[in-house]
Amino acid sequence: MNAFGINGIFIAITSIPLAILILVNAKRDRAKTLLSLFTFAVGIWGFGGFYISRAATPEAALLFWRLTHVGVILIPCFLLHFTHTFLRKKYRSVIFINYFLAL
């Protein structure tokens, strides 16, 4: 396993439990829920990087590369939404455009 795979699994192993911990303690707090989703998206990205480094064929690596992009696309979306919620900004159009562009 190379350094890329080690970093990916380290990111995933630390992010996913952190996302679960934040979500369990969220108690209907929208900002904490969005932070948990952001951390979960980082975990998806980490797992994708790990599986890319372990792929046996170029086709498998390409599949994992595409799946990794789900996390990569969601990271800035959730971060922007979290930031707007945390700062109590009311820019609903920015959030809508953010998710629309992600799709």
Protein backbone atom coordinates (compact mmCIF):
# COMPACT_ATOMS: atom_id res chain seq x y z
CA MET A 1 0.00 0.00 0.00
CA ASN A 2 1.27 3.44 -0.89
CA ALA A 3 1.06 6.74 0.99
CA PHE A 4 -2.06 7.75 -0.95
CA GLY A 5 -3.93 4.70 0.34
CA ILE A 6 -2.66 5.12 3.90
CA ASN A 7 -3.80 8.75 3.96
CA GLY A 8 -7.18 7.78 2.54
CA ILE A 9 -7.89 5.11 5.15
CA PHE A 10 -6.63 7.38 7.94
CA ILE A 11 -8.98 10.15 6.80
CA ALA A 12 -11.90 7.74 6.59
CA ILE A 13 -11.23 6.06 9.93
CA THR A 14 -11.10 9.40 11.73
CA SER A 15 -13.91 11.16 9.84
CA ILE A 16 -16.70 8.57 9.93
CA PRO A 17 -16.69 8.04 13.73
CA LEU A 18 -16.42 11.80 14.22
CA ALA A 19 -19.44 12.32 11.95
CA ILE A 20 -21.43 9.76 13.96
CA LEU A 21 -20.37 11.34 17.25
CA ILE A 22 -21.41 14.81 16.10
CA LEU A 23 -24.73 13.51 14.75
CA VAL A 24 -25.55 11.67 17.97
CA ASN A 25 -24.91 14.85 19.97
CA ALA A 26 -26.67 17.16 17.49
CA LYS A 27 -30.07 17.20 19.30
CA ARG A 28 -31.95 18.87 16.44
CA ASP A 29 -29.25 21.48 15.92
CA ARG A 30 -29.07 22.16 12.18
CA ALA A 31 -25.48 23.45 12.29
CA LYS A 32 -24.23 20.30 14.03
CA THR A 33 -26.14 18.10 11.59
CA LEU A 34 -24.57 19.92 8.64
CA LEU A 35 -21.13 19.62 10.23
CA SER A 36 -21.75 15.89 10.60
CA LEU A 37 -22.73 15.62 6.92
CA PHE A 38 -19.61 17.56 5.95
CA THR A 39 -17.43 15.20 8.01
CA PHE A 40 -19.19 12.18 6.51
CA ALA A 41 -18.49 13.52 2.98
CA VAL A 42 -14.80 13.82 3.92
CA GLY A 43 -14.95 10.18 5.05
CA ILE A 44 -16.41 9.12 1.69
CA TRP A 45 -13.56 10.91 -0.02
CA GLY A 46 -11.04 9.14 2.23
CA PHE A 47 -12.50 5.68 1.57
CA GLY A 48 -12.47 6.42 -2.14
CA GLY A 49 -8.80 7.32 -2.05
CA PHE A 50 -8.03 4.14 -0.15
CA TYR A 51 -9.88 1.93 -2.63
CA ILE A 52 -8.32 3.72 -5.61
CA SER A 53 -4.88 2.78 -4.31
CA ARG A 54 -5.97 -0.85 -3.86
CA ALA A 55 -7.68 -1.28 -7.24
CA ALA A 56 -6.43 -4.27 -9.22
CA THR A 57 -7.45 -2.99 -12.65
CA PRO A 58 -7.63 0.44 -14.26
CA GLU A 59 -11.40 -0.02 -14.68
CA ALA A 60 -11.85 -0.60 -10.94
CA ALA A 61 -9.68 2.41 -10.15
CA LEU A 62 -11.80 4.54 -12.49
CA LEU A 63 -14.99 3.34 -10.79
CA PHE A 64 -13.64 4.23 -7.35
CA TRP A 65 -12.37 7.55 -8.72
CA ARG A 66 -15.90 8.39 -9.87
CA LEU A 67 -17.41 7.33 -6.54
CA THR A 68 -14.85 9.45 -4.72
CA HIS A 69 -16.12 12.47 -6.58
CA VAL A 70 -19.44 12.15 -4.73
CA GLY A 71 -17.62 13.09 -1.54
CA VAL A 72 -15.48 15.68 -3.28
CA ILE A 73 -18.56 17.45 -4.68
CA LEU A 74 -20.48 17.31 -1.39
CA ILE A 75 -17.64 18.65 0.79
CA PRO A 76 -17.87 22.31 -0.35
CA CYS A 77 -21.69 22.14 -0.51
CA PHE A 78 -22.05 21.03 3.08
CA LEU A 79 -19.31 23.39 4.24
CA LEU A 80 -20.99 26.39 2.66
CA HIS A 81 -24.39 25.40 4.06
CA PHE A 82 -22.86 24.81 7.50
CA THR A 83 -21.13 28.20 7.41
CA HIS A 84 -24.33 30.02 6.46
CA THR A 85 -26.29 28.20 9.17
CA PHE A 86 -23.62 28.71 11.83
CA LEU A 87 -23.37 32.43 11.08
CA ARG A 88 -27.19 32.68 10.89
CA LYS A 89 -27.15 34.13 7.39
CA LYS A 90 -30.37 34.00 5.38
CA TYR A 91 -29.07 33.56 1.84
CA ARG A 92 -31.40 30.77 0.72
CA SER A 93 -30.74 31.47 -2.96
CA VAL A 94 -27.00 30.88 -2.47
CA ILE A 95 -27.67 27.55 -0.75
CA PHE A 96 -30.13 26.53 -3.48
CA ILE A 97 -27.67 27.43 -6.26
CA ASN A 98 -24.92 25.59 -4.35
CA TYR A 99 -26.86 22.30 -4.26
CA PHE A 100 -28.18 22.80 -7.79
CA LEU A 101 -24.65 23.10 -9.16
CA ALA A 102 -23.58 20.05 -7.16
CA LEU A 103 -26.25 17.97 -8.86
